[in-house]
Amino acid sequence: MKYVYVLQHSHILKDCDETKFIGVFSSEKKEKKAKKKPGFKYYKRYFFIDKYPINKMYWKEGFIENLGIEVPPFVVK
C-alpha cells in the first residue's frame, strides 16, 4: 500500500459548519461503503476525500512553545 484515503463529510447545519472525520481507507473502493450509511447518503455532494502517500511528513517545521505568554481565561456571561 502506497497511499491512504481520508474521508470527511462537511456541510452547514443551522449556520454552523459541521465536519465529520469518517475514516482512513486503503482504497477508494472501500470508502464508498461509508457513503451509504444513514444520513450521509442524503448529502452525497458534501464528501471530501484526500489521497495521502504513506510515510510522508506534512508538518515539517515542528512548533515553538510560547512560554511566558499568559492568555486570559475565556469567560461566558
Protein backbone atom coordinates (compact mmCIF):
# COMPACT_ATOMS: atom_id res chain seq x y z
CA MET A 1 0.00 0.00 0.00
CA LYS A 2 1.46 3.35 -1.07
CA TYR A 3 -1.46 5.63 -0.24
CA VAL A 4 -4.32 6.05 2.21
CA TYR A 5 -7.60 7.83 1.55
CA VAL A 6 -9.01 10.14 4.21
CA LEU A 7 -12.78 10.61 4.01
CA GLN A 8 -14.61 13.53 5.61
CA HIS A 9 -18.14 14.84 5.39
CA SER A 10 -18.83 18.55 5.80
CA HIS A 11 -21.98 20.62 5.49
CA ILE A 12 -23.62 23.68 7.02
CA LEU A 13 -26.26 22.93 9.62
CA LYS A 14 -28.16 25.93 11.03
CA ASP A 15 -25.40 28.46 10.27
CA CYS A 16 -22.70 26.14 11.66
CA ASP A 17 -20.13 24.26 9.61
CA GLU A 18 -20.23 20.63 10.72
CA THR A 19 -17.37 18.35 9.66
CA LYS A 20 -17.11 14.66 10.48
CA PHE A 21 -13.91 12.66 10.12
CA ILE A 22 -15.29 9.41 8.68
CA GLY A 23 -12.15 7.33 8.40
CA VAL A 24 -8.94 6.32 6.68
CA PHE A 25 -9.16 3.72 3.93
CA SER A 26 -6.70 1.67 1.91
CA SER A 27 -8.57 2.23 -1.36
CA GLU A 28 -11.19 4.50 -2.88
CA LYS A 29 -13.48 1.48 -3.31
CA LYS A 30 -13.60 0.82 0.44
CA GLU A 31 -14.53 4.39 1.33
CA LYS A 32 -17.61 4.19 -0.92
CA LYS A 33 -19.33 1.88 1.59
CA ALA A 34 -19.18 4.60 4.25
CA LYS A 35 -21.04 7.00 1.95
CA LYS A 36 -24.10 4.74 2.04
CA LYS A 37 -24.61 4.98 5.83
CA PRO A 38 -27.81 6.59 7.19
CA GLY A 39 -27.81 10.36 6.92
CA PHE A 40 -24.73 10.56 4.74
CA LYS A 41 -26.45 9.05 1.71
CA TYR A 42 -28.78 12.07 1.55
CA TYR A 43 -25.90 14.57 1.42
CA LYS A 44 -23.56 12.90 -1.07
CA ARG A 45 -22.09 16.08 -2.51
CA TYR A 46 -20.58 17.06 0.85
CA PHE A 47 -17.98 14.27 0.96
CA PHE A 48 -14.32 15.11 0.64
CA ILE A 49 -11.62 12.52 0.08
CA ASP A 50 -7.92 13.22 0.17
CA LYS A 51 -5.18 10.88 -1.02
CA TYR A 52 -2.04 10.81 1.14
CA PRO A 53 1.20 8.94 0.48
CA ILE A 54 2.29 6.77 3.40
CA ASN A 55 5.45 7.62 5.37
CA LYS A 56 5.49 11.27 4.39
CA MET A 57 5.69 14.02 7.00
CA TYR A 58 3.43 17.01 6.35
CA TRP A 59 4.23 19.23 9.35
CA LYS A 60 7.98 19.60 8.99
CA GLU A 61 8.57 22.82 10.91
CA GLY A 62 7.88 21.49 14.40
CA PHE A 63 6.47 24.04 16.84
CA ILE A 64 7.60 26.61 19.35
CA GLU A 65 6.00 26.69 22.78
CA ASN A 66 5.24 30.27 23.77
CA LEU A 67 6.30 30.19 27.40
CA GLY A 68 5.64 33.29 29.45
CA ILE A 69 2.66 34.49 27.43
CA GLU A 70 -0.46 34.50 29.51
CA VAL A 71 -3.83 34.13 27.84
CA PRO A 72 -6.76 35.40 29.89
CA PRO A 73 -9.40 32.75 30.60
CA PHE A 74 -12.48 32.75 28.43
CA VAL A 75 -15.47 33.85 30.49
CA VAL A 76 -19.05 33.18 29.39
CA LYS A 77 -21.52 35.79 30.63
